Amino acid sequence: MALDLSSAIDLGSIIAILQDLNFVNGCCSHLLSFMARPEDERDGVVIDALWSASVIAYARCFKDGKREHRLQDSDVSFLLIEGDGDAAWRKWADEHEMGEWQG
């Protein structure tokens, strides 16, 4: 029985998307906990870093690149995001170049 490498590549792409979404979830959880603190106890650098990292990782799930698969707009159309929130996040991320290490 021969190995089907294309299915392994497909699975790897899907797992990479899942890892990015888990990372986004973790960043957002930390961001919410920082934002719940009194304003004088918040670290603006950490807040900006968490926000930037989460938006860029989320947008990467939709981008063409090294992965065989990516999320489509229809995959998140059920989310109740006010306005054009999802599209606005990805537009913002597109304006911020990702390093080679971010794939």
PDB file of N, CA and C in Angstrom:
ATOM      1  N   MET A   1       0.857  -1.171   0.000  1.00  0.00           N
ATOM      2  CA  MET A   1       0.000   0.000   0.000  1.00  0.00           C
ATOM      3  C   MET A   1       0.904   1.235   0.000  1.00  0.00           C
ATOM      4  N   ALA A   2       0.706   2.094  -0.974  1.00  0.00           N
ATOM      5  CA  ALA A   2       1.509   3.315  -1.098  1.00  0.00           C
ATOM      6  C   ALA A   2       0.927   4.427  -0.230  1.00  0.00           C
ATOM      7  N   LEU A   3       1.816   5.267   0.242  1.00  0.00           N
ATOM      8  CA  LEU A   3       1.376   6.423   1.015  1.00  0.00           C
ATOM      9  C   LEU A   3       0.776   7.463   0.087  1.00  0.00           C
ATOM     10  N   ASP A   4      -0.325   8.043   0.509  1.00  0.00           N
ATOM     11  CA  ASP A   4      -0.944   9.121  -0.258  1.00  0.00           C
ATOM     12  C   ASP A   4      -0.447  10.437   0.319  1.00  0.00           C
ATOM     13  N   LEU A   5       0.622  10.960  -0.248  1.00  0.00           N
ATOM     14  CA  LEU A   5       1.230  12.172   0.289  1.00  0.00           C
ATOM     15  C   LEU A   5       0.347  13.398   0.120  1.00  0.00           C
ATOM     16  N   SER A   6      -0.510  13.425  -0.899  1.00  0.00           N
ATOM     17  CA  SER A   6      -1.378  14.588  -1.081  1.00  0.00           C
ATOM     18  C   SER A   6      -2.360  14.721   0.076  1.00  0.00           C
ATOM     19  N   SER A   7      -2.852  13.609   0.596  1.00  0.00           N
ATOM     20  CA  SER A   7      -3.764  13.693   1.737  1.00  0.00           C
ATOM     21  C   SER A   7      -3.015  14.127   2.997  1.00  0.00           C
ATOM     22  N   ALA A   8      -1.746  13.757   3.119  1.00  0.00           N
ATOM     23  CA  ALA A   8      -0.941  14.211   4.256  1.00  0.00           C
ATOM     24  C   ALA A   8      -0.703  15.715   4.174  1.00  0.00           C
ATOM     25  N   ILE A   9      -0.468  16.223   2.968  1.00  0.00           N
ATOM     26  CA  ILE A   9      -0.288  17.666   2.777  1.00  0.00           C
ATOM     27  C   ILE A   9      -1.585  18.396   3.104  1.00  0.00           C
ATOM     28  N   ASP A  10      -2.721  17.846   2.659  1.00  0.00           N
ATOM     29  CA  ASP A  10      -4.025  18.440   2.969  1.00  0.00           C
ATOM     30  C   ASP A  10      -4.241  18.503   4.480  1.00  0.00           C
ATOM     31  N   LEU A  11      -3.964  17.405   5.144  1.00  0.00           N
ATOM     32  CA  LEU A  11      -4.138  17.356   6.593  1.00  0.00           C
ATOM     33  C   LEU A  11      -3.221  18.357   7.286  1.00  0.00           C
ATOM     34  N   GLY A  12      -1.990  18.461   6.824  1.00  0.00           N
ATOM     35  CA  GLY A  12      -1.058  19.427   7.401  1.00  0.00           C
ATOM     36  C   GLY A  12      -1.551  20.855   7.260  1.00  0.00           C
ATOM     37  N   SER A  13      -2.132  21.185   6.110  1.00  0.00           N
ATOM     38  CA  SER A  13      -2.673  22.531   5.896  1.00  0.00           C
ATOM     39  C   SER A  13      -3.831  22.818   6.840  1.00  0.00           C
ATOM     40  N   ILE A  14      -4.697  21.836   7.001  1.00  0.00           N
ATOM     41  CA  ILE A  14      -5.854  22.014   7.881  1.00  0.00           C
ATOM     42  C   ILE A  14      -5.405  22.142   9.330  1.00  0.00           C
ATOM     43  N   ILE A  15      -4.430  21.348   9.735  1.00  0.00           N
ATOM     44  CA  ILE A  15      -3.904  21.440  11.103  1.00  0.00           C
ATOM     45  C   ILE A  15      -3.242  22.794  11.332  1.00  0.00           C
ATOM     46  N   ALA A  16      -2.533  23.317  10.336  1.00  0.00           N
ATOM     47  CA  ALA A  16      -1.900  24.636  10.470  1.00  0.00           C
ATOM     48  C   ALA A  16      -2.947  25.726  10.672  1.00  0.00           C
ATOM     49  N   ILE A  17      -4.071  25.632   9.966  1.00  0.00           N
ATOM     50  CA  ILE A  17      -5.160  26.598  10.157  1.00  0.00           C
ATOM     51  C   ILE A  17      -5.703  26.479  11.571  1.00  0.00           C
ATOM     52  N   LEU A  18      -5.920  25.262  12.023  1.00  0.00           N
ATOM     53  CA  LEU A  18      -6.422  25.047  13.380  1.00  0.00           C
ATOM     54  C   LEU A  18      -5.455  25.607  14.423  1.00  0.00           C
ATOM     55  N   GLN A  19      -4.157  25.404  14.221  1.00  0.00           N
ATOM     56  CA  GLN A  19      -3.160  25.946  15.154  1.00  0.00           C
ATOM     57  C   GLN A  19      -3.211  27.472  15.172  1.00  0.00           C
ATOM     58  N   ASP A  20      -3.349  28.082  14.002  1.00  0.00           N
ATOM     59  CA  ASP A  20      -3.460  29.543  13.956  1.00  0.00           C
ATOM     60  C   ASP A  20      -4.707  30.020  14.686  1.00  0.00           C
ATOM     61  N   LEU A  21      -5.837  29.338  14.477  1.00  0.00           N
ATOM     62  CA  LEU A  21      -7.075  29.750  15.142  1.00  0.00           C
ATOM     63  C   LEU A  21      -6.981  29.561  16.654  1.00  0.00           C
ATOM     64  N   ASN A  22      -6.317  28.502  17.098  1.00  0.00           N
ATOM     65  CA  ASN A  22      -6.102  28.316  18.537  1.00  0.00           C
ATOM     66  C   ASN A  22      -5.211  29.420  19.100  1.00  0.00           C
ATOM     67  N   PHE A  23      -4.194  29.814  18.343  1.00  0.00           N
ATOM     68  CA  PHE A  23      -3.326  30.917  18.753  1.00  0.00           C
ATOM     69  C   PHE A  23      -4.125  32.214  18.865  1.00  0.00           C
ATOM     70  N   VAL A  24      -4.982  32.474  17.877  1.00  0.00           N
ATOM     71  CA  VAL A  24      -5.830  33.671  17.903  1.00  0.00           C
ATOM     72  C   VAL A  24      -6.721  33.649  19.139  1.00  0.00           C
ATOM     73  N   ASN A  25      -7.305  32.499  19.418  1.00  0.00           N
ATOM     74  CA  ASN A  25      -8.164  32.370  20.592  1.00  0.00           C
ATOM     75  C   ASN A  25      -7.388  32.672  21.876  1.00  0.00           C
ATOM     76  N   GLY A  26      -6.179  32.144  21.985  1.00  0.00           N
ATOM     77  CA  GLY A  26      -5.351  32.409  23.162  1.00  0.00           C
ATOM     78  C   GLY A  26      -4.993  33.878  23.294  1.00  0.00           C
ATOM     79  N   CYS A  27      -4.615  34.502  22.177  1.00  0.00           N
ATOM     80  CA  CYS A  27      -4.290  35.941  22.201  1.00  0.00           C
ATOM     81  C   CYS A  27      -5.494  36.755  22.648  1.00  0.00           C
ATOM     82  N   CYS A  28      -6.656  36.423  22.100  1.00  0.00           N
ATOM     83  CA  CYS A  28      -7.865  37.176  22.453  1.00  0.00           C
ATOM     84  C   CYS A  28      -8.239  36.974  23.916  1.00  0.00           C
ATOM     85  N   SER A  29      -8.056  35.776  24.425  1.00  0.00           N
ATOM     86  CA  SER A  29      -8.333  35.526  25.849  1.00  0.00           C
ATOM     87  C   SER A  29      -7.419  36.365  26.737  1.00  0.00           C
ATOM     88  N   HIS A  30      -6.135  36.391  26.398  1.00  0.00           N
ATOM     89  CA  HIS A  30      -5.194  37.216  27.163  1.00  0.00           C
ATOM     90  C   HIS A  30      -5.518  38.697  27.011  1.00  0.00           C
ATOM     91  N   LEU A  31      -5.888  39.089  25.811  1.00  0.00           N
ATOM     92  CA  LEU A  31      -6.232  40.484  25.555  1.00  0.00           C
ATOM     93  C   LEU A  31      -7.427  40.910  26.401  1.00  0.00           C
ATOM     94  N   LEU A  32      -8.435  40.073  26.476  1.00  0.00           N
ATOM     95  CA  LEU A  32      -9.605  40.394  27.298  1.00  0.00           C
ATOM     96  C   LEU A  32      -9.238  40.511  28.771  1.00  0.00           C
ATOM     97  N   SER A  33      -8.351  39.637  29.241  1.00  0.00           N
ATOM     98  CA  SER A  33      -7.955  39.723  30.652  1.00  0.00           C
ATOM     99  C   SER A  33      -7.160  40.996  30.924  1.00  0.00           C
ATOM    100  N   PHE A  34      -6.314  41.417  29.974  1.00  0.00           N
ATOM    101  CA  PHE A  34      -5.586  42.680  30.141  1.00  0.00           C
ATOM    102  C   PHE A  34      -6.537  43.866  30.117  1.00  0.00           C
ATOM    103  N   MET A  35      -7.532  43.813  29.243  1.00  0.00           N
ATOM    104  CA  MET A  35      -8.465  44.932  29.117  1.00  0.00           C
ATOM    105  C   MET A  35      -9.389  45.042  30.326  1.00  0.00           C
ATOM    106  N   ALA A  36      -9.551  43.958  31.074  1.00  0.00           N
ATOM    107  CA  ALA A  36     -10.399  43.979  32.262  1.00  0.00           C
ATOM    108  C   ALA A  36      -9.711  44.658  33.445  1.00  0.00           C
ATOM    109  N   ARG A  37      -8.418  44.852  33.344  1.00  0.00           N
ATOM    110  CA  ARG A  37      -7.667  45.505  34.418  1.00  0.00           C
ATOM    111  C   ARG A  37      -7.954  47.008  34.426  1.00  0.00           C
ATOM    112  N   PRO A  38      -7.734  47.646  35.560  1.00  0.00           N
ATOM    113  CA  PRO A  38      -7.837  49.111  35.582  1.00  0.00           C
ATOM    114  C   PRO A  38      -6.858  49.710  34.571  1.00  0.00           C
ATOM    115  N   GLU A  39      -7.225  50.828  33.994  1.00  0.00           N
ATOM    116  CA  GLU A  39      -6.431  51.408  32.905  1.00  0.00           C
ATOM    117  C   GLU A  39      -4.981  51.663  33.294  1.00  0.00           C
ATOM    118  N   ASP A  40      -4.734  52.059  34.536  1.00  0.00           N
ATOM    119  CA  ASP A  40      -3.359  52.354  34.947  1.00  0.00           C
ATOM    120  C   ASP A  40      -2.514  51.095  35.146  1.00  0.00           C
ATOM    121  N   GLU A  41      -3.142  49.918  35.110  1.00  0.00           N
ATOM    122  CA  GLU A  41      -2.413  48.655  35.249  1.00  0.00           C
ATOM    123  C   GLU A  41      -2.225  47.932  33.912  1.00  0.00           C
ATOM    124  N   ARG A  42      -2.712  48.515  32.846  1.00  0.00           N
ATOM    125  CA  ARG A  42      -2.602  47.888  31.526  1.00  0.00           C
ATOM    126  C   ARG A  42      -1.248  48.203  30.907  1.00  0.00           C
ATOM    127  N   ASP A  43      -0.705  47.227  30.232  1.00  0.00           N
ATOM    128  CA  ASP A  43       0.552  47.407  29.506  1.00  0.00           C
ATOM    129  C   ASP A  43       0.214  47.560  28.029  1.00  0.00           C
ATOM    130  N   GLY A  44       0.321  48.781  27.530  1.00  0.00           N
ATOM    131  CA  GLY A  44      -0.053  49.069  26.154  1.00  0.00           C
ATOM    132  C   GLY A  44       0.729  48.282  25.126  1.00  0.00           C
ATOM    133  N   VAL A  45       1.992  48.022  25.418  1.00  0.00           N
ATOM    134  CA  VAL A  45       2.821  47.259  24.479  1.00  0.00           C
ATOM    135  C   VAL A  45       2.294  45.829  24.353  1.00  0.00           C
ATOM    136  N   VAL A  46       1.962  45.225  25.471  1.00  0.00           N
ATOM    137  CA  VAL A  46       1.438  43.858  25.451  1.00  0.00           C
ATOM    138  C   VAL A  46       0.092  43.821  24.736  1.00  0.00           C
ATOM    139  N   ILE A  47      -0.751  44.790  25.011  1.00  0.00           N
ATOM    140  CA  ILE A  47      -2.064  44.844  24.363  1.00  0.00           C
ATOM    141  C   ILE A  47      -1.907  44.986  22.853  1.00  0.00           C
ATOM    142  N   ASP A  48      -1.051  45.903  22.413  1.00  0.00           N
ATOM    143  CA  ASP A  48      -0.817  46.075  20.978  1.00  0.00           C
ATOM    144  C   ASP A  48      -0.235  44.812  20.349  1.00  0.00           C
ATOM    145  N   ALA A  49       0.685  44.162  21.052  1.00  0.00           N
ATOM    146  CA  ALA A  49       1.311  42.948  20.523  1.00  0.00           C
ATOM    147  C   ALA A  49       0.287  41.821  20.380  1.00  0.00           C
ATOM    148  N   LEU A  50      -0.547  41.648  21.384  1.00  0.00           N
ATOM    149  CA  LEU A  50      -1.570  40.606  21.316  1.00  0.00           C
ATOM    150  C   LEU A  50      -2.565  40.883  20.195  1.00  0.00           C
ATOM    151  N   TRP A  51      -2.979  42.143  20.076  1.00  0.00           N
ATOM    152  CA  TRP A  51      -3.933  42.516  19.030  1.00  0.00           C
ATOM    153  C   TRP A  51      -3.320  42.262  17.648  1.00  0.00           C
ATOM    154  N   SER A  52      -2.121  42.763  17.427  1.00  0.00           N
ATOM    155  CA  SER A  52      -1.471  42.604  16.121  1.00  0.00           C
ATOM    156  C   SER A  52      -1.258  41.134  15.782  1.00  0.00           C
ATOM    157  N   ALA A  53      -0.760  40.381  16.730  1.00  0.00           N
ATOM    158  CA  ALA A  53      -0.493  38.960  16.486  1.00  0.00           C
ATOM    159  C   ALA A  53      -1.775  38.204  16.163  1.00  0.00           C
ATOM    160  N   SER A  54      -2.846  38.512  16.873  1.00  0.00           N
ATOM    161  CA  SER A  54      -4.094  37.788  16.630  1.00  0.00           C
ATOM    162  C   SER A  54      -4.687  38.130  15.271  1.00  0.00           C
ATOM    163  N   VAL A  55      -4.661  39.396  14.889  1.00  0.00           N
ATOM    164  CA  VAL A  55      -5.224  39.788  13.592  1.00  0.00           C
ATOM    165  C   VAL A  55      -4.409  39.194  12.446  1.00  0.00           C
ATOM    166  N   ILE A  56      -3.098  39.237  12.557  1.00  0.00           N
ATOM    167  CA  ILE A  56      -2.241  38.707  11.494  1.00  0.00           C
ATOM    168  C   ILE A  56      -2.398  37.187  11.375  1.00  0.00           C
ATOM    169  N   ALA A  57      -2.452  36.489  12.504  1.00  0.00           N
ATOM    170  CA  ALA A  57      -2.619  35.030  12.458  1.00  0.00           C
ATOM    171  C   ALA A  57      -3.989  34.657  11.894  1.00  0.00           C
ATOM    172  N   TYR A  58      -5.018  35.421  12.257  1.00  0.00           N
ATOM    173  CA  TYR A  58      -6.363  35.164  11.733  1.00  0.00           C
ATOM    174  C   TYR A  58      -6.390  35.372  10.219  1.00  0.00           C
ATOM    175  N   ALA A  59      -5.817  36.467   9.767  1.00  0.00           N
ATOM    176  CA  ALA A  59      -5.807  36.762   8.331  1.00  0.00           C
ATOM    177  C   ALA A  59      -5.028  35.704   7.557  1.00  0.00           C
ATOM    178  N   ARG A  60      -3.966  35.174   8.157  1.00  0.00           N
ATOM    179  CA  ARG A  60      -3.149  34.156   7.487  1.00  0.00           C
ATOM    180  C   ARG A  60      -3.978  32.909   7.149  1.00  0.00           C
ATOM    181  N   CYS A  61      -5.019  32.651   7.923  1.00  0.00           N
ATOM    182  CA  CYS A  61      -5.875  31.494   7.657  1.00  0.00           C
ATOM    183  C   CYS A  61      -6.598  31.611   6.321  1.00  0.00           C
ATOM    184  N   PHE A  62      -6.713  32.835   5.790  1.00  0.00           N
ATOM    185  CA  PHE A  62      -7.437  33.082   4.545  1.00  0.00           C
ATOM    186  C   PHE A  62      -6.509  33.328   3.355  1.00  0.00           C
ATOM    187  N   LYS A  63      -5.208  33.427   3.617  1.00  0.00           N
ATOM    188  CA  LYS A  63      -4.264  33.851   2.581  1.00  0.00           C
ATOM    189  C   LYS A  63      -3.766  32.688   1.736  1.00  0.00           C
ATOM    190  N   ASP A  64      -3.488  33.019   0.472  1.00  0.00           N
ATOM    191  CA  ASP A  64      -2.757  32.081  -0.375  1.00  0.00           C
ATOM    192  C   ASP A  64      -1.319  32.069   0.117  1.00  0.00           C
ATOM    193  N   GLY A  65      -0.683  30.968  -0.018  1.00  0.00           N
ATOM    194  CA  GLY A  65       0.706  30.896   0.421  1.00  0.00           C
ATOM    195  C   GLY A  65       1.203  29.478   0.339  1.00  0.00           C
ATOM    196  N   LYS A  66       1.941  29.076   1.333  1.00  0.00           N
ATOM    197  CA  LYS A  66       2.547  27.748   1.339  1.00  0.00           C
ATOM    198  C   LYS A  66       1.522  26.642   1.579  1.00  0.00           C
ATOM    199  N   ARG A  67       0.408  26.984   2.205  1.00  0.00           N
ATOM    200  CA  ARG A  67      -0.607  25.980   2.527  1.00  0.00           C
ATOM    201  C   ARG A  67      -1.436  25.623   1.298  1.00  0.00           C
ATOM    202  N   GLU A  68      -1.847  24.371   1.256  1.00  0.00           N
ATOM    203  CA  GLU A  68      -2.719  23.916   0.176  1.00  0.00           C
ATOM    204  C   GLU A  68      -4.148  24.412   0.380  1.00  0.00           C
ATOM    205  N   HIS A  69      -4.551  24.549   1.628  1.00  0.00           N
ATOM    206  CA  HIS A  69      -5.921  24.945   1.947  1.00  0.00           C
ATOM    207  C   HIS A  69      -5.915  26.251   2.722  1.00  0.00           C
ATOM    208  N   ARG A  70      -7.026  26.942   2.657  1.00  0.00           N
ATOM    209  CA  ARG A  70      -7.228  28.151   3.448  1.00  0.00           C
ATOM    210  C   ARG A  70      -8.719  28.285   3.708  1.00  0.00           C
ATOM    211  N   LEU A  71      -9.052  29.075   4.715  1.00  0.00           N
ATOM    212  CA  LEU A  71     -10.459  29.330   4.988  1.00  0.00           C
ATOM    213  C   LEU A  71     -11.041  30.203   3.888  1.00  0.00           C
ATOM    214  N   GLN A  72     -12.332  30.061   3.670  1.00  0.00           N
ATOM    215  CA  GLN A  72     -13.067  30.885   2.714  1.00  0.00           C
ATOM    216  C   GLN A  72     -14.006  31.803   3.496  1.00  0.00           C
ATOM    217  N   ASP A  73     -14.446  32.881   2.866  1.00  0.00           N
ATOM    218  CA  ASP A  73     -15.386  33.786   3.523  1.00  0.00           C
ATOM    219  C   ASP A  73     -16.618  33.036   4.018  1.00  0.00           C
ATOM    220  N   SER A  74     -17.066  32.058   3.248  1.00  0.00           N
ATOM    221  CA  SER A  74     -18.260  31.296   3.631  1.00  0.00           C
ATOM    222  C   SER A  74     -18.048  30.494   4.919  1.00  0.00           C
ATOM    223  N   ASP A  75     -16.790  30.211   5.262  1.00  0.00           N
ATOM    224  CA  ASP A  75     -16.498  29.467   6.489  1.00  0.00           C
ATOM    225  C   ASP A  75     -16.793  30.275   7.743  1.00  0.00           C
ATOM    226  N   VAL A  76     -16.806  31.596   7.620  1.00  0.00           N
ATOM    227  CA  VAL A  76     -17.040  32.451   8.787  1.00  0.00           C
ATOM    228  C   VAL A  76     -18.261  33.343   8.615  1.00  0.00           C
ATOM    229  N   SER A  77     -19.035  33.124   7.562  1.00  0.00           N
ATOM    230  CA  SER A  77     -20.180  33.998   7.294  1.00  0.00           C
ATOM    231  C   SER A  77     -21.250  33.906   8.375  1.00  0.00           C
ATOM    232  N   PHE A  78     -21.279  32.826   9.135  1.00  0.00           N
ATOM    233  CA  PHE A  78     -22.272  32.659  10.192  1.00  0.00           C
ATOM    234  C   PHE A  78     -21.945  33.477  11.443  1.00  0.00           C
ATOM    235  N   LEU A  79     -20.717  33.966  11.548  1.00  0.00           N
ATOM    236  CA  LEU A  79     -20.319  34.742  12.719  1.00  0.00           C
ATOM    237  C   LEU A  79     -21.076  36.062  12.750  1.00  0.00           C
ATOM    238  N   LEU A  80     -21.485  36.450  13.916  1.00  0.00           N
ATOM    239  CA  LEU A  80     -22.236  37.694  14.060  1.00  0.00           C
ATOM    240  C   LEU A  80     -21.275  38.824  14.400  1.00  0.00           C
ATOM    241  N   ILE A  81     -20.548  39.279  13.383  1.00  0.00           N
ATOM    242  CA  ILE A  81     -19.596  40.368  13.561  1.00  0.00           C
ATOM    243  C   ILE A  81     -20.243  41.624  13.009  1.00  0.00           C
ATOM    244  N   GLU A  82     -20.323  42.660  13.836  1.00  0.00           N
ATOM    245  CA  GLU A  82     -20.966  43.897  13.414  1.00  0.00           C
ATOM    246  C   GLU A  82     -20.198  44.547  12.279  1.00  0.00           C
ATOM    247  N   GLY A  83     -20.928  45.174  11.370  1.00  0.00           N
ATOM    248  CA  GLY A  83     -20.302  45.881  10.262  1.00  0.00           C
ATOM    249  C   GLY A  83     -19.542  44.916   9.374  1.00  0.00           C
ATOM    250  N   ASP A  84     -18.408  45.368   8.893  1.00  0.00           N
ATOM    251  CA  ASP A  84     -17.572  44.507   8.052  1.00  0.00           C
ATOM    252  C   ASP A  84     -16.353  44.053   8.847  1.00  0.00           C
ATOM    253  N   GLY A  85     -16.581  43.725  10.114  1.00  0.00           N
ATOM    254  CA  GLY A  85     -15.501  43.406  11.037  1.00  0.00           C
ATOM    255  C   GLY A  85     -14.486  42.420  10.517  1.00  0.00           C
ATOM    256  N   ASP A  86     -14.945  41.293  10.014  1.00  0.00           N
ATOM    257  CA  ASP A  86     -14.017  40.264   9.551  1.00  0.00           C
ATOM    258  C   ASP A  86     -13.190  40.770   8.375  1.00  0.00           C
ATOM    259  N   ALA A  87     -13.843  41.374   7.410  1.00  0.00           N
ATOM    260  CA  ALA A  87     -13.122  41.904   6.242  1.00  0.00           C
ATOM    261  C   ALA A  87     -12.174  43.021   6.655  1.00  0.00           C
ATOM    262  N   ALA A  88     -12.590  43.848   7.605  1.00  0.00           N
ATOM    263  CA  ALA A  88     -11.741  44.955   8.062  1.00  0.00           C
ATOM    264  C   ALA A  88     -10.488  44.425   8.753  1.00  0.00           C
ATOM    265  N   TRP A  89     -10.613  43.370   9.530  1.00  0.00           N
ATOM    266  CA  TRP A  89      -9.445  42.785  10.200  1.00  0.00           C
ATOM    267  C   TRP A  89      -8.457  42.279   9.176  1.00  0.00           C
ATOM    268  N   ARG A  90      -8.953  41.586   8.171  1.00  0.00           N
ATOM    269  CA  ARG A  90      -8.048  41.029   7.171  1.00  0.00           C
ATOM    270  C   ARG A  90      -7.415  42.126   6.321  1.00  0.00           C
ATOM    271  N   LYS A  91      -8.151  43.199   6.043  1.00  0.00           N
ATOM    272  CA  LYS A  91      -7.577  44.325   5.299  1.00  0.00           C
ATOM    273  C   LYS A  91      -6.444  44.941   6.114  1.00  0.00           C
ATOM    274  N   TRP A  92      -6.659  45.114   7.426  1.00  0.00           N
ATOM    275  CA  TRP A  92      -5.632  45.680   8.296  1.00  0.00           C
ATOM    276  C   TRP A  92      -4.397  44.780   8.285  1.00  0.00           C
ATOM    277  N   ALA A  93      -4.616  43.483   8.370  1.00  0.00           N
ATOM    278  CA  ALA A  93      -3.487  42.547   8.386  1.00  0.00           C
ATOM    279  C   ALA A  93      -2.735  42.573   7.062  1.00  0.00           C
ATOM    280  N   ASP A  94      -3.455  42.742   5.953  1.00  0.00           N
ATOM    281  CA  ASP A  94      -2.801  42.817   4.643  1.00  0.00           C
ATOM    282  C   ASP A  94      -1.854  44.003   4.557  1.00  0.00           C
ATOM    283  N   GLU A  95      -2.166  45.059   5.286  1.00  0.00           N
ATOM    284  CA  GLU A  95      -1.343  46.264   5.255  1.00  0.00           C
ATOM    285  C   GLU A  95      -0.094  46.130   6.111  1.00  0.00           C
ATOM    286  N   HIS A  96      -0.001  45.056   6.882  1.00  0.00           N
ATOM    287  CA  HIS A  96       1.141  44.824   7.766  1.00  0.00           C
ATOM    288  C   HIS A  96       1.850  43.562   7.306  1.00  0.00           C
ATOM    289  N   GLU A  97       3.009  43.747   6.739  1.00  0.00           N
ATOM    290  CA  GLU A  97       3.763  42.623   6.192  1.00  0.00           C
ATOM    291  C   GLU A  97       4.102  41.601   7.270  1.00  0.00           C
ATOM    292  N   MET A  98       4.019  40.329   6.900  1.00  0.00           N
ATOM    293  CA  MET A  98       4.423  39.256   7.793  1.00  0.00           C
ATOM    294  C   MET A  98       5.847  38.858   7.453  1.00  0.00           C
ATOM    295  N   GLY A  99       6.602  38.508   8.469  1.00  0.00           N
ATOM    296  CA  GLY A  99       7.955  38.030   8.241  1.00  0.00           C
ATOM    297  C   GLY A  99       7.939  36.651   7.603  1.00  0.00           C
ATOM    298  N   GLU A 100       9.035  36.266   7.018  1.00  0.00           N
ATOM    299  CA  GLU A 100       9.152  34.955   6.372  1.00  0.00           C
ATOM    300  C   GLU A 100       8.844  33.827   7.361  1.00  0.00           C
ATOM    301  N   TRP A 101       9.215  34.018   8.622  1.00  0.00           N
ATOM    302  CA  TRP A 101       9.013  32.978   9.629  1.00  0.00           C
ATOM    303  C   TRP A 101       7.538  32.761   9.939  1.00  0.00           C
ATOM    304  N   GLN A 102       6.664  33.716   9.553  1.00  0.00           N
ATOM    305  CA  GLN A 102       5.250  33.572   9.863  1.00  0.00           C
ATOM    306  C   GLN A 102       4.489  32.818   8.785  1.00  0.00           C
ATOM    307  N   GLY A 103       5.152  32.473   7.699  1.00  0.00           N
ATOM    308  CA  GLY A 103       4.573  31.638   6.661  1.00  0.00           C
ATOM    309  C   GLY A 103       3.398  32.208   5.998  1.00  0.00           C
TER     310      GLY A 103
END
